[in-house]
């Protein structure tokens, strides 16, 4: 069923684009663009006509094919993607919007509501929230109350169900938009007077962070650029969704540094069956593309960061640490490592998971706090 829903979204996107660009579309237009047989495109168009999403503008006349158009070319949803990662009984919820204003609205109201959420943050159009499995009430209403909040979270097999209570504009988003977002498997609704409650179901994915360091030389390259390229590489794998890319500063006084001594880590959400492919692709790509023979790779599954990893990051910022030290910390924290001296910074980069940008970029700041909580 999730595959069918995704396919429907793809056809609707094509249909709206053709309608917006040329005022109509034909069966052949959709078949050629989607790369499917004409009969398949015809079946989908007929289905969408029955659903009321598409109307026939002109019938077939001689050699001229029938023309169709979308009922509306307005964006069907401000919600681009909604997905979740699971780490023990902790869940991270990711909601990517078309608009940073919409993401900021939800950030403000979700934080004000509290509910089940223990942490709310935003990076541009991506809203990130952390919670534990369970329930917690929140007073939702018109100003000065928050307009939307997450009040429940449960796991059903390989799915995560979040219960959202809302009013006004957020209620419209829940009833008419969230079900169209990539990653959403279904939305079940219940009205209680002016309030709307909905259960949004997504797959329980795994959080994977990949840290790299010492990939450049004094003459060429940059670790941040290779990290961005790595993010593109692993995100192209089936079952993998990109989350973000981060740069962090380590000890600026280290004699062996090529420049300012920064490291990078990237974050993705991966289906359980895709995690090994992420590891294999990362290792192969880095060993092929790094300009330094001392490149280092560190891969961690799960967003909960133990205190020993935070403290290791502080040590790397303050003093000289050996690869043996890095390997010992990696073993204690379940981190997969590969490469040479760069493993020191690659493991350290993972100590910054869940921290704010000022902490990442100011090497005088202490690394502390418990990610995932």
Protein backbone atom coordinates (compact mmCIF):
# COMPACT_ATOMS: atom_id res chain seq x y z
CA UNK A 1 0.00 0.00 0.00
CA UNK A 2 2.75 2.57 0.80
CA UNK A 3 4.13 1.99 -2.73
CA UNK A 4 0.72 2.67 -4.24
CA UNK A 5 0.38 5.89 -2.27
CA UNK A 6 3.82 7.06 -3.37
CA UNK A 7 3.01 6.28 -7.01
CA UNK A 8 -0.21 8.25 -6.77
CA UNK A 9 1.71 11.27 -5.47
CA UNK A 10 4.18 11.01 -8.37
CA UNK A 11 1.40 10.98 -10.96
CA UNK A 12 -0.38 13.90 -9.28
CA UNK A 13 2.85 15.92 -9.33
CA UNK A 14 3.30 15.25 -13.06
CA UNK A 15 -0.31 16.09 -13.81
CA UNK A 16 -0.16 19.39 -11.91
CA UNK A 17 3.11 20.36 -13.58
CA UNK A 18 1.77 19.76 -17.09
CA UNK A 19 -1.43 21.65 -16.24
CA UNK A 20 0.54 24.60 -14.90
CA UNK A 21 3.02 24.72 -17.80
CA UNK A 22 0.77 24.08 -20.83
CA UNK A 23 -2.78 24.16 -19.52
CA UNK A 24 -3.48 20.47 -20.16
CA UNK A 25 -1.89 17.04 -20.51
CA UNK A 26 -2.46 13.92 -22.55
CA UNK A 27 -2.09 10.24 -21.78
CA UNK A 28 1.08 10.21 -23.90
CA UNK A 29 2.55 13.13 -21.91
CA UNK A 30 2.24 11.20 -18.66
CA UNK A 31 3.39 7.87 -20.14
CA UNK A 32 6.56 9.42 -21.61
CA UNK A 33 7.44 11.49 -18.54
CA UNK A 34 6.78 8.65 -16.08
CA UNK A 35 8.45 6.04 -18.31
CA UNK A 36 5.49 3.65 -18.20
CA UNK A 37 3.32 1.95 -20.85
CA UNK A 38 0.48 4.04 -22.24
CA UNK A 39 -2.06 1.64 -20.75
CA UNK A 40 -0.62 2.19 -17.25
CA UNK A 41 -0.80 5.97 -17.61
CA UNK A 42 -4.36 5.66 -18.92
CA UNK A 43 -5.40 3.56 -15.92
CA UNK A 44 -3.97 6.10 -13.48
CA UNK A 45 -5.65 9.04 -15.23
CA UNK A 46 -8.99 7.20 -15.18
CA UNK A 47 -8.55 6.53 -11.47
CA UNK A 48 -7.77 10.18 -10.73
CA UNK A 49 -10.76 11.29 -12.80
CA UNK A 50 -12.95 9.04 -10.64
CA UNK A 51 -11.41 10.59 -7.51
CA UNK A 52 -12.18 14.10 -8.75
CA UNK A 53 -8.53 15.16 -8.99
CA UNK A 54 -8.55 15.34 -12.80
CA UNK A 55 -11.14 16.45 -15.38
CA UNK A 56 -11.28 15.87 -19.12
CA UNK A 57 -10.89 19.20 -20.90
CA UNK A 58 -11.41 17.98 -24.48
CA UNK A 59 -12.40 14.62 -25.92
CA UNK A 60 -10.43 12.78 -28.61
CA UNK A 61 -10.99 14.34 -32.09
CA UNK A 62 -9.57 12.54 -35.08
CA UNK A 63 -5.84 12.18 -34.53
CA UNK A 64 -5.86 14.74 -31.73
CA UNK A 65 -5.74 12.95 -28.34
CA UNK A 66 -8.01 13.72 -25.41
CA UNK A 67 -6.80 16.51 -23.16
CA UNK A 68 -7.05 16.53 -19.39
CA UNK A 69 -6.19 18.98 -16.62
CA UNK A 70 -5.74 18.94 -12.86
CA UNK A 71 -8.65 20.29 -10.86
CA UNK A 72 -6.20 22.61 -9.07
CA UNK A 73 -2.55 23.51 -9.64
CA UNK A 74 -2.15 24.85 -6.10
CA UNK A 75 0.31 22.90 -3.92
CA UNK A 76 -1.65 20.10 -2.29
CA UNK A 77 0.54 20.15 0.79
CA UNK A 78 2.94 22.45 2.61
CA UNK A 79 4.33 19.28 4.21
CA UNK A 80 7.09 17.89 2.04
CA UNK A 81 8.22 14.95 4.20
CA UNK A 82 7.39 13.52 7.61
CA UNK A 83 9.49 10.64 8.95
CA UNK A 84 10.67 9.21 12.25
CA UNK A 85 13.69 7.41 13.72
CA UNK A 86 13.62 5.07 16.71
CA UNK A 87 16.36 4.57 19.32
CA UNK A 88 15.20 2.32 22.17
CA UNK A 89 12.03 3.96 23.51
CA UNK A 90 13.09 7.37 22.14
CA UNK A 91 11.80 8.78 18.87
CA UNK A 92 12.92 11.67 16.70
CA UNK A 93 10.24 13.21 14.49
CA UNK A 94 11.30 15.07 11.34
CA UNK A 95 8.88 17.35 9.51
CA UNK A 96 10.19 19.05 6.36
CA UNK A 97 8.02 21.94 5.10
CA UNK A 98 7.89 23.81 1.81
CA UNK A 99 8.07 27.04 3.83
CA UNK A 100 10.39 28.09 6.64
CA UNK A 101 7.51 30.23 7.95
CA UNK A 102 5.33 27.13 8.35
CA UNK A 103 8.17 25.29 10.07
CA UNK A 104 8.72 28.26 12.41
CA UNK A 105 4.99 28.35 13.24
CA UNK A 106 4.99 24.68 14.20
CA UNK A 107 8.24 25.06 16.14
CA UNK A 108 6.78 27.88 18.23
CA UNK A 109 3.44 26.20 18.96
CA UNK A 110 4.86 22.69 19.53
CA UNK A 111 7.39 24.09 22.01
CA UNK A 112 4.71 26.12 23.78
CA UNK A 113 2.39 23.11 23.97
CA UNK A 114 5.04 20.76 25.36
CA UNK A 115 2.96 17.60 25.41
CA UNK A 116 5.03 14.51 24.75
CA UNK A 117 7.95 16.49 23.25
CA UNK A 118 11.15 16.91 25.27
CA UNK A 119 13.11 18.80 22.61
CA UNK A 120 12.10 20.95 19.63
CA UNK A 121 14.54 22.51 17.15
CA UNK A 122 14.48 23.82 13.60
CA UNK A 123 17.01 24.17 10.80
CA UNK A 124 15.43 26.19 7.99
CA UNK A 125 12.46 24.19 6.72
CA UNK A 126 13.26 21.08 8.79
CA UNK A 127 11.57 20.72 12.18
CA UNK A 128 13.15 18.15 14.54
CA UNK A 129 11.47 16.92 17.69
CA UNK A 130 12.39 14.31 20.28
CA UNK A 131 10.11 12.38 22.62
CA UNK A 132 9.67 9.12 24.50
CA UNK A 133 6.99 6.57 23.75
CA UNK A 134 3.96 7.48 25.86
CA UNK A 135 1.29 10.15 26.31
CA UNK A 136 1.18 13.65 27.84
CA UNK A 137 -1.73 16.06 27.71
CA UNK A 138 -1.52 19.60 26.31
CA UNK A 139 -4.03 22.44 26.40
CA UNK A 140 -4.72 23.35 22.76
CA UNK A 141 -6.92 26.26 21.67
CA UNK A 142 -7.00 29.79 20.32
CA UNK A 143 -4.54 32.49 21.47
CA UNK A 144 -3.01 32.62 24.04
CA UNK A 145 -3.07 28.79 24.01
CA UNK A 146 -0.87 26.91 21.52
CA UNK A 147 -2.70 25.91 18.34
CA UNK A 148 -1.07 22.50 17.94
CA UNK A 149 0.79 19.93 20.02
CA UNK A 150 1.96 16.31 19.97
CA UNK A 151 0.20 14.51 22.84
CA UNK A 152 0.97 10.85 22.20
CA UNK A 153 3.52 8.53 20.67
CA UNK A 154 3.42 4.77 20.32
CA UNK A 155 5.08 1.99 18.38
CA UNK A 156 3.17 -0.61 16.39
CA UNK A 157 5.56 -3.20 14.95
CA UNK A 158 7.80 -1.35 12.52
CA UNK A 159 5.63 1.80 12.61
CA UNK A 160 5.52 4.92 14.76
CA UNK A 161 2.17 6.60 15.46
CA UNK A 162 2.14 10.19 16.69
CA UNK A 163 -1.10 11.69 18.03
CA UNK A 164 -1.52 15.39 17.22
CA UNK A 165 -4.17 17.73 18.64
CA UNK A 166 -4.81 21.03 16.86
CA UNK A 167 -7.18 23.85 15.88
CA UNK A 168 -7.47 26.37 13.02
CA UNK A 169 -4.71 26.37 10.40
CA UNK A 170 -2.85 23.40 11.90
CA UNK A 171 -6.11 21.43 11.80
CA UNK A 172 -6.34 22.13 8.07
CA UNK A 173 -2.74 20.94 7.69
CA UNK A 174 -3.54 17.73 9.57
CA UNK A 175 -6.77 16.95 7.72
CA UNK A 176 -5.81 18.04 4.19
CA UNK A 177 -2.01 18.09 3.89
CA UNK A 178 -0.08 15.70 6.13
CA UNK A 179 -1.46 12.62 4.41
CA UNK A 180 0.19 13.82 1.18
CA UNK A 181 3.67 14.16 2.72
CA UNK A 182 6.33 11.66 1.68
CA UNK A 183 6.95 9.15 4.46
CA UNK A 184 3.40 9.20 5.81
CA UNK A 185 1.64 5.86 5.53
CA UNK A 186 -1.77 6.97 6.80
CA UNK A 187 -3.60 9.63 8.83
CA UNK A 188 -6.60 8.74 11.03
CA UNK A 189 -8.77 11.67 12.20
CA UNK A 190 -11.21 12.39 15.00
CA UNK A 191 -13.06 15.66 15.67
CA UNK A 192 -13.89 16.91 19.15
CA UNK A 193 -15.88 20.12 18.73
CA UNK A 194 -13.53 22.73 17.25
CA UNK A 195 -10.47 20.59 17.96
CA UNK A 196 -9.11 17.93 15.62
CA UNK A 197 -7.04 14.96 16.73
CA UNK A 198 -5.14 12.87 14.23
CA UNK A 199 -2.86 9.86 14.34
CA UNK A 200 -0.03 10.15 11.82
CA UNK A 201 1.68 6.84 11.03
CA UNK A 202 5.23 6.63 9.69
CA UNK A 203 7.83 3.89 9.49
CA UNK A 204 10.27 3.41 12.38
CA UNK A 205 13.57 4.20 10.64
CA UNK A 206 17.06 4.15 12.13
CA UNK A 207 19.17 7.24 12.74
CA UNK A 208 22.67 6.93 11.25
CA UNK A 209 25.44 9.52 11.75
CA UNK A 210 28.64 9.36 9.69
CA UNK A 211 31.69 11.33 10.83
CA UNK A 212 34.77 11.98 8.69
CA UNK A 213 38.10 13.80 9.13
CA UNK A 214 41.56 14.17 7.58
CA UNK A 215 40.26 13.74 4.04
CA UNK A 216 42.04 16.76 2.50
CA UNK A 217 45.66 17.71 1.85
CA UNK A 218 47.49 21.01 2.32
CA UNK A 219 47.21 21.60 -1.42
CA UNK A 220 43.62 20.61 -2.20
CA UNK A 221 40.29 19.41 -0.92
CA UNK A 222 38.13 20.15 2.10
CA UNK A 223 36.54 17.75 4.55
CA UNK A 224 33.22 19.62 4.56
CA UNK A 225 32.95 19.33 0.76
CA UNK A 226 33.62 15.60 0.82
CA UNK A 227 31.03 15.20 3.58
CA UNK A 228 28.43 16.93 1.41
CA UNK A 229 29.30 14.64 -1.49
CA UNK A 230 29.02 11.63 0.83
CA UNK A 231 25.56 12.79 1.94
CA UNK A 232 24.46 12.84 -1.70
CA UNK A 233 25.93 9.39 -2.26
CA UNK A 234 24.25 7.63 0.65
CA UNK A 235 20.96 9.49 0.16
CA UNK A 236 20.66 7.98 -3.31
CA UNK A 237 20.35 4.51 -1.74
CA UNK A 238 16.89 2.96 -1.52
CA UNK A 239 15.34 3.41 1.92
CA UNK A 240 17.59 6.34 2.95
CA UNK A 241 16.42 9.91 3.71
CA UNK A 242 18.93 12.76 4.21
CA UNK A 243 18.67 14.75 7.44
CA UNK A 244 21.62 17.13 7.56
CA UNK A 245 25.31 18.05 7.31
CA UNK A 246 27.36 19.66 10.10
CA UNK A 247 30.83 21.12 10.57
CA UNK A 248 32.57 21.18 13.96
CA UNK A 249 35.86 22.69 15.13
CA UNK A 250 38.42 20.61 17.03
CA UNK A 251 41.75 21.66 18.61
CA UNK A 252 42.99 24.67 16.57
CA UNK A 253 46.50 24.30 18.01
CA UNK A 254 47.07 20.76 16.73
CA UNK A 255 50.43 20.75 14.84
CA UNK A 256 49.35 18.24 12.15
CA UNK A 257 46.23 20.14 11.05
CA UNK A 258 45.92 21.07 7.36
CA UNK A 259 44.03 24.30 8.09
CA UNK A 260 41.72 25.25 10.98
CA UNK A 261 41.17 21.63 12.10
CA UNK A 262 37.48 21.10 11.49
CA UNK A 263 35.65 17.80 11.04
CA UNK A 264 32.25 16.97 9.56
CA UNK A 265 29.39 14.61 10.16
CA UNK A 266 26.24 13.87 8.22
CA UNK A 267 22.91 12.44 9.38
CA UNK A 268 20.47 10.18 7.54
CA UNK A 269 17.39 8.12 8.39
CA UNK A 270 17.62 4.60 7.00
CA UNK A 271 15.34 1.61 6.81
CA UNK A 272 16.85 -1.23 8.88
CA UNK A 273 17.58 -3.23 5.74
CA UNK A 274 19.49 -0.27 4.23
CA UNK A 275 21.94 0.30 7.11
CA UNK A 276 24.59 -2.11 5.83
CA UNK A 277 24.44 -0.51 2.38
CA UNK A 278 25.00 2.92 4.00
CA UNK A 279 28.11 1.60 5.75
CA UNK A 280 29.46 -0.08 2.63
CA UNK A 281 28.84 2.94 0.39
CA UNK A 282 30.45 5.32 2.90
CA UNK A 283 33.60 3.24 3.24
CA UNK A 284 33.99 2.72 -0.49
CA UNK A 285 33.36 6.38 -1.32
CA UNK A 286 35.74 7.74 1.31
CA UNK A 287 38.57 5.36 0.47
CA UNK A 288 38.24 6.31 -3.23
CA UNK A 289 37.82 10.08 -2.86
CA UNK A 290 39.88 11.18 0.15
CA UNK A 291 43.05 13.07 -0.75
CA UNK A 292 44.86 12.09 2.45
CA UNK A 293 46.00 8.54 3.26
CA UNK A 294 45.13 9.31 6.91
CA UNK A 295 41.37 9.70 6.28
CA UNK A 296 39.06 8.52 9.03
CA UNK A 297 35.47 7.28 9.11
CA UNK A 298 33.13 6.74 12.10
CA UNK A 299 29.55 5.49 11.85
CA UNK A 300 27.03 5.49 14.71
CA UNK A 301 23.49 4.12 14.68
CA UNK A 302 21.11 5.79 17.15
CA UNK A 303 20.85 9.42 18.25
CA UNK A 304 21.38 8.88 22.00
CA UNK A 305 24.87 10.11 22.88
CA UNK A 306 26.56 8.64 26.00
CA UNK A 307 28.56 10.83 28.34
CA UNK A 308 31.82 9.05 27.46
CA UNK A 309 31.48 10.24 23.85
CA UNK A 310 30.77 13.84 24.90
CA UNK A 311 33.82 13.80 27.16
CA UNK A 312 35.97 12.37 24.37
CA UNK A 313 35.00 15.33 22.18
CA UNK A 314 36.13 17.71 24.93
CA UNK A 315 39.48 15.91 25.18
CA UNK A 316 40.05 16.19 21.43
CA UNK A 317 39.41 19.92 21.67
CA UNK A 318 41.86 20.42 24.53
CA UNK A 319 44.74 18.00 24.00
CA UNK A 320 46.46 15.53 21.70
CA UNK A 321 44.60 12.22 21.47
CA UNK A 322 45.83 9.00 19.82
CA UNK A 323 44.04 6.74 17.39
CA UNK A 324 44.15 4.05 20.07
CA UNK A 325 42.15 6.36 22.38
CA UNK A 326 39.60 6.93 19.62
CA UNK A 327 39.26 3.21 18.94
CA UNK A 328 38.64 2.50 22.65
CA UNK A 329 35.84 5.09 22.83
CA UNK A 330 34.35 3.82 19.58
CA UNK A 331 34.25 0.27 20.96
CA UNK A 332 32.49 1.42 24.13
CA UNK A 333 29.89 3.40 22.16
CA UNK A 334 29.20 0.87 19.40
CA UNK A 335 30.76 3.07 16.70
CA UNK A 336 32.14 1.45 13.54
CA UNK A 337 35.49 2.97 12.50
CA UNK A 338 37.85 2.69 9.54
CA UNK A 339 40.94 4.49 8.27
CA UNK A 340 44.02 6.09 9.75
CA UNK A 341 44.71 9.08 12.01
CA UNK A 342 41.50 10.75 10.84
CA UNK A 343 39.52 8.32 13.00
CA UNK A 344 40.39 10.59 15.97
CA UNK A 345 38.42 13.51 14.54
CA UNK A 346 35.76 11.33 12.91
CA UNK A 347 34.77 9.84 16.28
CA UNK A 348 34.98 13.30 17.89
CA UNK A 349 32.58 14.71 15.29
CA UNK A 350 29.88 12.35 16.58
CA UNK A 351 30.19 13.86 20.07
CA UNK A 352 28.47 16.97 18.69
CA UNK A 353 25.23 15.23 17.66
CA UNK A 354 22.21 17.19 18.88
CA UNK A 355 24.15 20.32 19.89
CA UNK A 356 23.67 23.90 18.69
CA UNK A 357 25.83 25.54 16.03
CA UNK A 358 27.72 27.87 18.44
CA UNK A 359 28.97 24.81 20.35
CA UNK A 360 30.03 23.10 17.12
CA UNK A 361 32.00 26.05 15.75
CA UNK A 362 33.58 27.56 18.89
CA UNK A 363 36.41 25.24 20.02
CA UNK A 364 36.53 26.97 23.42
CA UNK A 365 32.98 25.81 24.25
CA UNK A 366 32.43 22.70 26.35
CA UNK A 367 30.61 19.76 24.77
CA UNK A 368 27.87 18.56 27.09
CA UNK A 369 24.23 17.60 27.19
CA UNK A 370 22.40 14.39 26.45
CA UNK A 371 21.21 14.02 22.86
CA UNK A 372 17.98 12.22 22.35
CA UNK A 373 16.37 13.63 25.44
